[in-house]
Amino acid sequence: MPPRQREVLKLVTEDKKNHEIAQKLGLTDHTVRNYIVQIFEKLGVSTRVGLVLYALSEPAINERPPAP
């Protein structure tokens, strides 16, 4: 999963709303919505609850990739 999608997913698991995620990451609400839809498709889930449950079951989702 690309780093930006990881960031969005992490904030979703922290119960942040799209607008809050957009502000924190310097994105538009629309861009955050697009990232979330892409994550839904990639993980095969259809709700934010599904995303959180998936993230909880996959600790690697919350790990940061090694610095270059």
PDB file of N, CA and C in Angstrom:
ATOM      1  N   MET A   1       0.852  -1.171   0.000  1.00  0.00           N
ATOM      2  CA  MET A   1       0.000   0.000   0.000  1.00  0.00           C
ATOM      3  C   MET A   1       0.903   1.241   0.000  1.00  0.00           C
ATOM      4  N   PRO A   2       0.636   2.176  -0.884  1.00  0.00           N
ATOM      5  CA  PRO A   2       1.446   3.392  -0.934  1.00  0.00           C
ATOM      6  C   PRO A   2       1.395   4.161   0.398  1.00  0.00           C
ATOM      7  N   PRO A   3       2.454   4.895   0.695  1.00  0.00           N
ATOM      8  CA  PRO A   3       2.518   5.616   1.976  1.00  0.00           C
ATOM      9  C   PRO A   3       1.321   6.533   2.247  1.00  0.00           C
ATOM     10  N   ARG A   4       0.843   7.243   1.240  1.00  0.00           N
ATOM     11  CA  ARG A   4      -0.278   8.167   1.464  1.00  0.00           C
ATOM     12  C   ARG A   4      -1.546   7.396   1.835  1.00  0.00           C
ATOM     13  N   GLN A   5      -1.792   6.265   1.180  1.00  0.00           N
ATOM     14  CA  GLN A   5      -2.952   5.456   1.535  1.00  0.00           C
ATOM     15  C   GLN A   5      -2.815   4.926   2.959  1.00  0.00           C
ATOM     16  N   ARG A   6      -1.602   4.559   3.355  1.00  0.00           N
ATOM     17  CA  ARG A   6      -1.353   4.128   4.741  1.00  0.00           C
ATOM     18  C   ARG A   6      -1.709   5.223   5.735  1.00  0.00           C
ATOM     19  N   GLU A   7      -1.288   6.454   5.409  1.00  0.00           N
ATOM     20  CA  GLU A   7      -1.594   7.583   6.290  1.00  0.00           C
ATOM     21  C   GLU A   7      -3.099   7.777   6.429  1.00  0.00           C
ATOM     22  N   VAL A   8      -3.801   7.732   5.306  1.00  0.00           N
ATOM     23  CA  VAL A   8      -5.255   7.892   5.329  1.00  0.00           C
ATOM     24  C   VAL A   8      -5.886   6.766   6.143  1.00  0.00           C
ATOM     25  N   LEU A   9      -5.464   5.542   5.908  1.00  0.00           N
ATOM     26  CA  LEU A   9      -6.010   4.401   6.639  1.00  0.00           C
ATOM     27  C   LEU A   9      -5.763   4.546   8.139  1.00  0.00           C
ATOM     28  N   LYS A  10      -4.567   4.958   8.514  1.00  0.00           N
ATOM     29  CA  LYS A  10      -4.257   5.131   9.932  1.00  0.00           C
ATOM     30  C   LYS A  10      -5.191   6.154  10.567  1.00  0.00           C
ATOM     31  N   LEU A  11      -5.446   7.247   9.869  1.00  0.00           N
ATOM     32  CA  LEU A  11      -6.332   8.279  10.410  1.00  0.00           C
ATOM     33  C   LEU A  11      -7.781   7.805  10.461  1.00  0.00           C
ATOM     34  N   VAL A  12      -8.192   6.977   9.501  1.00  0.00           N
ATOM     35  CA  VAL A  12      -9.539   6.391   9.553  1.00  0.00           C
ATOM     36  C   VAL A  12      -9.658   5.520  10.795  1.00  0.00           C
ATOM     37  N   THR A  13      -8.609   4.755  11.100  1.00  0.00           N
ATOM     38  CA  THR A  13      -8.664   3.884  12.284  1.00  0.00           C
ATOM     39  C   THR A  13      -8.675   4.697  13.579  1.00  0.00           C
ATOM     40  N   GLU A  14      -8.276   5.964  13.497  1.00  0.00           N
ATOM     41  CA  GLU A  14      -8.336   6.851  14.658  1.00  0.00           C
ATOM     42  C   GLU A  14      -9.669   7.596  14.722  1.00  0.00           C
ATOM     43  N   ASP A  15     -10.637   7.160  13.894  1.00  0.00           N
ATOM     44  CA  ASP A  15     -11.991   7.711  13.852  1.00  0.00           C
ATOM     45  C   ASP A  15     -12.033   9.161  13.371  1.00  0.00           C
ATOM     46  N   LYS A  16     -11.099   9.525  12.513  1.00  0.00           N
ATOM     47  CA  LYS A  16     -11.094  10.873  11.936  1.00  0.00           C
ATOM     48  C   LYS A  16     -12.082  10.918  10.773  1.00  0.00           C
ATOM     49  N   LYS A  17     -12.751  12.026  10.626  1.00  0.00           N
ATOM     50  CA  LYS A  17     -13.665  12.261   9.501  1.00  0.00           C
ATOM     51  C   LYS A  17     -12.840  12.673   8.282  1.00  0.00           C
ATOM     52  N   ASN A  18     -13.438  12.526   7.093  1.00  0.00           N
ATOM     53  CA  ASN A  18     -12.722  12.875   5.859  1.00  0.00           C
ATOM     54  C   ASN A  18     -12.173  14.293   5.919  1.00  0.00           C
ATOM     55  N   HIS A  19     -12.984  15.231   6.411  1.00  0.00           N
ATOM     56  CA  HIS A  19     -12.547  16.624   6.471  1.00  0.00           C
ATOM     57  C   HIS A  19     -11.335  16.784   7.399  1.00  0.00           C
ATOM     58  N   GLU A  20     -11.344  16.082   8.512  1.00  0.00           N
ATOM     59  CA  GLU A  20     -10.218  16.151   9.448  1.00  0.00           C
ATOM     60  C   GLU A  20      -8.955  15.562   8.825  1.00  0.00           C
ATOM     61  N   ILE A  21      -9.127  14.449   8.110  1.00  0.00           N
ATOM     62  CA  ILE A  21      -7.994  13.811   7.431  1.00  0.00           C
ATOM     63  C   ILE A  21      -7.429  14.768   6.375  1.00  0.00           C
ATOM     64  N   ALA A  22      -8.327  15.390   5.613  1.00  0.00           N
ATOM     65  CA  ALA A  22      -7.898  16.332   4.571  1.00  0.00           C
ATOM     66  C   ALA A  22      -7.092  17.477   5.163  1.00  0.00           C
ATOM     67  N   GLN A  23      -7.574  18.041   6.256  1.00  0.00           N
ATOM     68  CA  GLN A  23      -6.855  19.148   6.888  1.00  0.00           C
ATOM     69  C   GLN A  23      -5.485  18.704   7.389  1.00  0.00           C
ATOM     70  N   LYS A  24      -5.435  17.562   8.040  1.00  0.00           N
ATOM     71  CA  LYS A  24      -4.185  17.081   8.616  1.00  0.00           C
ATOM     72  C   LYS A  24      -3.129  16.796   7.540  1.00  0.00           C
ATOM     73  N   LEU A  25      -3.576  16.264   6.395  1.00  0.00           N
ATOM     74  CA  LEU A  25      -2.629  15.877   5.343  1.00  0.00           C
ATOM     75  C   LEU A  25      -2.479  16.924   4.240  1.00  0.00           C
ATOM     76  N   GLY A  26      -3.221  18.035   4.341  1.00  0.00           N
ATOM     77  CA  GLY A  26      -3.127  19.077   3.321  1.00  0.00           C
ATOM     78  C   GLY A  26      -3.731  18.660   1.997  1.00  0.00           C
ATOM     79  N   LEU A  27      -4.843  17.925   2.068  1.00  0.00           N
ATOM     80  CA  LEU A  27      -5.529  17.438   0.873  1.00  0.00           C
ATOM     81  C   LEU A  27      -6.935  18.023   0.828  1.00  0.00           C
ATOM     82  N   THR A  28      -7.620  17.806  -0.285  1.00  0.00           N
ATOM     83  CA  THR A  28      -9.030  18.186  -0.352  1.00  0.00           C
ATOM     84  C   THR A  28      -9.877  17.023   0.156  1.00  0.00           C
ATOM     85  N   ASP A  29     -11.109  17.323   0.548  1.00  0.00           N
ATOM     86  CA  ASP A  29     -12.027  16.272   0.983  1.00  0.00           C
ATOM     87  C   ASP A  29     -12.216  15.240  -0.130  1.00  0.00           C
ATOM     88  N   HIS A  30     -12.300  15.735  -1.359  1.00  0.00           N
ATOM     89  CA  HIS A  30     -12.506  14.846  -2.511  1.00  0.00           C
ATOM     90  C   HIS A  30     -11.338  13.866  -2.666  1.00  0.00           C
ATOM     91  N   THR A  31     -10.119  14.345  -2.495  1.00  0.00           N
ATOM     92  CA  THR A  31      -8.949  13.479  -2.620  1.00  0.00           C
ATOM     93  C   THR A  31      -8.959  12.406  -1.533  1.00  0.00           C
ATOM     94  N   VAL A  32      -9.319  12.793  -0.314  1.00  0.00           N
ATOM     95  CA  VAL A  32      -9.400  11.817   0.781  1.00  0.00           C
ATOM     96  C   VAL A  32     -10.454  10.767   0.452  1.00  0.00           C
ATOM     97  N   ARG A  33     -11.597  11.208  -0.052  1.00  0.00           N
ATOM     98  CA  ARG A  33     -12.658  10.268  -0.431  1.00  0.00           C
ATOM     99  C   ARG A  33     -12.144   9.285  -1.490  1.00  0.00           C
ATOM    100  N   ASN A  34     -11.401   9.804  -2.466  1.00  0.00           N
ATOM    101  CA  ASN A  34     -10.835   8.935  -3.506  1.00  0.00           C
ATOM    102  C   ASN A  34      -9.871   7.905  -2.914  1.00  0.00           C
ATOM    103  N   TYR A  35      -9.004   8.347  -2.001  1.00  0.00           N
ATOM    104  CA  TYR A  35      -8.080   7.412  -1.349  1.00  0.00           C
ATOM    105  C   TYR A  35      -8.845   6.326  -0.603  1.00  0.00           C
ATOM    106  N   ILE A  36      -9.892   6.705   0.093  1.00  0.00           N
ATOM    107  CA  ILE A  36     -10.657   5.723   0.869  1.00  0.00           C
ATOM    108  C   ILE A  36     -11.328   4.710  -0.059  1.00  0.00           C
ATOM    109  N   VAL A  37     -11.880   5.173  -1.175  1.00  0.00           N
ATOM    110  CA  VAL A  37     -12.487   4.253  -2.148  1.00  0.00           C
ATOM    111  C   VAL A  37     -11.428   3.293  -2.699  1.00  0.00           C
ATOM    112  N   GLN A  38     -10.243   3.804  -2.999  1.00  0.00           N
ATOM    113  CA  GLN A  38      -9.163   2.948  -3.493  1.00  0.00           C
ATOM    114  C   GLN A  38      -8.774   1.905  -2.448  1.00  0.00           C
ATOM    115  N   ILE A  39      -8.732   2.317  -1.188  1.00  0.00           N
ATOM    116  CA  ILE A  39      -8.393   1.386  -0.117  1.00  0.00           C
ATOM    117  C   ILE A  39      -9.492   0.331   0.026  1.00  0.00           C
ATOM    118  N   PHE A  40     -10.757   0.753  -0.035  1.00  0.00           N
ATOM    119  CA  PHE A  40     -11.881  -0.203   0.007  1.00  0.00           C
ATOM    120  C   PHE A  40     -11.670  -1.281  -1.059  1.00  0.00           C
ATOM    121  N   GLU A  41     -11.410  -0.840  -2.276  1.00  0.00           N
ATOM    122  CA  GLU A  41     -11.252  -1.777  -3.393  1.00  0.00           C
ATOM    123  C   GLU A  41     -10.058  -2.694  -3.185  1.00  0.00           C
ATOM    124  N   LYS A  42      -8.952  -2.122  -2.752  1.00  0.00           N
ATOM    125  CA  LYS A  42      -7.724  -2.897  -2.566  1.00  0.00           C
ATOM    126  C   LYS A  42      -7.883  -3.966  -1.490  1.00  0.00           C
ATOM    127  N   LEU A  43      -8.589  -3.615  -0.399  1.00  0.00           N
ATOM    128  CA  LEU A  43      -8.725  -4.541   0.727  1.00  0.00           C
ATOM    129  C   LEU A  43      -9.988  -5.394   0.653  1.00  0.00           C
ATOM    130  N   GLY A  44     -10.863  -5.093  -0.281  1.00  0.00           N
ATOM    131  CA  GLY A  44     -12.082  -5.880  -0.426  1.00  0.00           C
ATOM    132  C   GLY A  44     -13.096  -5.622   0.677  1.00  0.00           C
ATOM    133  N   VAL A  45     -13.155  -4.397   1.168  1.00  0.00           N
ATOM    134  CA  VAL A  45     -14.140  -4.024   2.184  1.00  0.00           C
ATOM    135  C   VAL A  45     -15.021  -2.921   1.612  1.00  0.00           C
ATOM    136  N   SER A  46     -16.151  -2.661   2.279  1.00  0.00           N
ATOM    137  CA  SER A  46     -17.064  -1.653   1.740  1.00  0.00           C
ATOM    138  C   SER A  46     -17.484  -0.596   2.757  1.00  0.00           C
ATOM    139  N   THR A  47     -16.939  -0.661   3.968  1.00  0.00           N
ATOM    140  CA  THR A  47     -17.296   0.324   4.992  1.00  0.00           C
ATOM    141  C   THR A  47     -16.052   0.733   5.781  1.00  0.00           C
ATOM    142  N   ARG A  48     -16.167   1.852   6.478  1.00  0.00           N
ATOM    143  CA  ARG A  48     -15.068   2.291   7.340  1.00  0.00           C
ATOM    144  C   ARG A  48     -14.843   1.291   8.467  1.00  0.00           C
ATOM    145  N   VAL A  49     -15.918   0.711   8.964  1.00  0.00           N
ATOM    146  CA  VAL A  49     -15.782  -0.310  10.010  1.00  0.00           C
ATOM    147  C   VAL A  49     -14.976  -1.483   9.471  1.00  0.00           C
ATOM    148  N   GLY A  50     -15.247  -1.875   8.229  1.00  0.00           N
ATOM    149  CA  GLY A  50     -14.474  -2.942   7.603  1.00  0.00           C
ATOM    150  C   GLY A  50     -13.003  -2.588   7.508  1.00  0.00           C
ATOM    151  N   LEU A  51     -12.708  -1.322   7.202  1.00  0.00           N
ATOM    152  CA  LEU A  51     -11.315  -0.881   7.141  1.00  0.00           C
ATOM    153  C   LEU A  51     -10.638  -1.003   8.502  1.00  0.00           C
ATOM    154  N   VAL A  52     -11.338  -0.564   9.531  1.00  0.00           N
ATOM    155  CA  VAL A  52     -10.760  -0.614  10.881  1.00  0.00           C
ATOM    156  C   VAL A  52     -10.520  -2.059  11.304  1.00  0.00           C
ATOM    157  N   LEU A  53     -11.492  -2.925  11.061  1.00  0.00           N
ATOM    158  CA  LEU A  53     -11.337  -4.336  11.422  1.00  0.00           C
ATOM    159  C   LEU A  53     -10.167  -4.961  10.667  1.00  0.00           C
ATOM    160  N   TYR A  54     -10.043  -4.629   9.393  1.00  0.00           N
ATOM    161  CA  TYR A  54      -8.923  -5.153   8.607  1.00  0.00           C
ATOM    162  C   TYR A  54      -7.597  -4.649   9.177  1.00  0.00           C
ATOM    163  N   ALA A  55      -7.532  -3.354   9.460  1.00  0.00           N
ATOM    164  CA  ALA A  55      -6.292  -2.776   9.985  1.00  0.00           C
ATOM    165  C   ALA A  55      -5.914  -3.406  11.325  1.00  0.00           C
ATOM    166  N   LEU A  56      -6.902  -3.685  12.159  1.00  0.00           N
ATOM    167  CA  LEU A  56      -6.624  -4.311  13.450  1.00  0.00           C
ATOM    168  C   LEU A  56      -6.090  -5.730  13.282  1.00  0.00           C
ATOM    169  N   SER A  57      -6.537  -6.400  12.236  1.00  0.00           N
ATOM    170  CA  SER A  57      -6.095  -7.780  12.016  1.00  0.00           C
ATOM    171  C   SER A  57      -4.767  -7.865  11.269  1.00  0.00           C
ATOM    172  N   GLU A  58      -4.322  -6.746  10.733  1.00  0.00           N
ATOM    173  CA  GLU A  58      -3.076  -6.693   9.967  1.00  0.00           C
ATOM    174  C   GLU A  58      -2.147  -5.643  10.563  1.00  0.00           C
ATOM    175  N   PRO A  59      -1.370  -6.003  11.586  1.00  0.00           N
ATOM    176  CA  PRO A  59      -0.495  -5.007  12.229  1.00  0.00           C
ATOM    177  C   PRO A  59       0.456  -4.306  11.259  1.00  0.00           C
ATOM    178  N   ALA A  60       0.831  -4.963  10.188  1.00  0.00           N
ATOM    179  CA  ALA A  60       1.763  -4.358   9.231  1.00  0.00           C
ATOM    180  C   ALA A  60       1.175  -3.108   8.580  1.00  0.00           C
ATOM    181  N   ILE A  61      -0.132  -2.990   8.558  1.00  0.00           N
ATOM    182  CA  ILE A  61      -0.776  -1.819   7.971  1.00  0.00           C
ATOM    183  C   ILE A  61      -0.343  -0.560   8.714  1.00  0.00           C
ATOM    184  N   ASN A  62      -0.211  -0.653  10.019  1.00  0.00           N
ATOM    185  CA  ASN A  62       0.122   0.524  10.825  1.00  0.00           C
ATOM    186  C   ASN A  62       1.624   0.748  10.966  1.00  0.00           C
ATOM    187  N   GLU A  63       2.433  -0.155  10.464  1.00  0.00           N
ATOM    188  CA  GLU A  63       3.879   0.026  10.526  1.00  0.00           C
ATOM    189  C   GLU A  63       4.314   1.001   9.447  1.00  0.00           C
ATOM    190  N   ARG A  64       5.311   1.771   9.754  1.00  0.00           N
ATOM    191  CA  ARG A  64       5.855   2.687   8.766  1.00  0.00           C
ATOM    192  C   ARG A  64       6.894   1.969   7.927  1.00  0.00           C
ATOM    193  N   PRO A  65       6.905   2.257   6.630  1.00  0.00           N
ATOM    194  CA  PRO A  65       7.953   1.657   5.803  1.00  0.00           C
ATOM    195  C   PRO A  65       9.307   2.234   6.196  1.00  0.00           C
ATOM    196  N   PRO A  66      10.364   1.465   6.006  1.00  0.00           N
ATOM    197  CA  PRO A  66      11.699   1.963   6.363  1.00  0.00           C
ATOM    198  C   PRO A  66      12.063   3.213   5.572  1.00  0.00           C
ATOM    199  N   ALA A  67      12.784   4.103   6.201  1.00  0.00           N
ATOM    200  CA  ALA A  67      13.214   5.339   5.532  1.00  0.00           C
ATOM    201  C   ALA A  67      14.226   4.989   4.432  1.00  0.00           C
ATOM    202  N   PRO A  68      14.162   5.724   3.333  1.00  0.00           N
ATOM    203  CA  PRO A  68      15.100   5.443   2.219  1.00  0.00           C
ATOM    204  C   PRO A  68      16.528   5.807   2.564  1.00  0.00           C
TER     205      PRO A  68
END
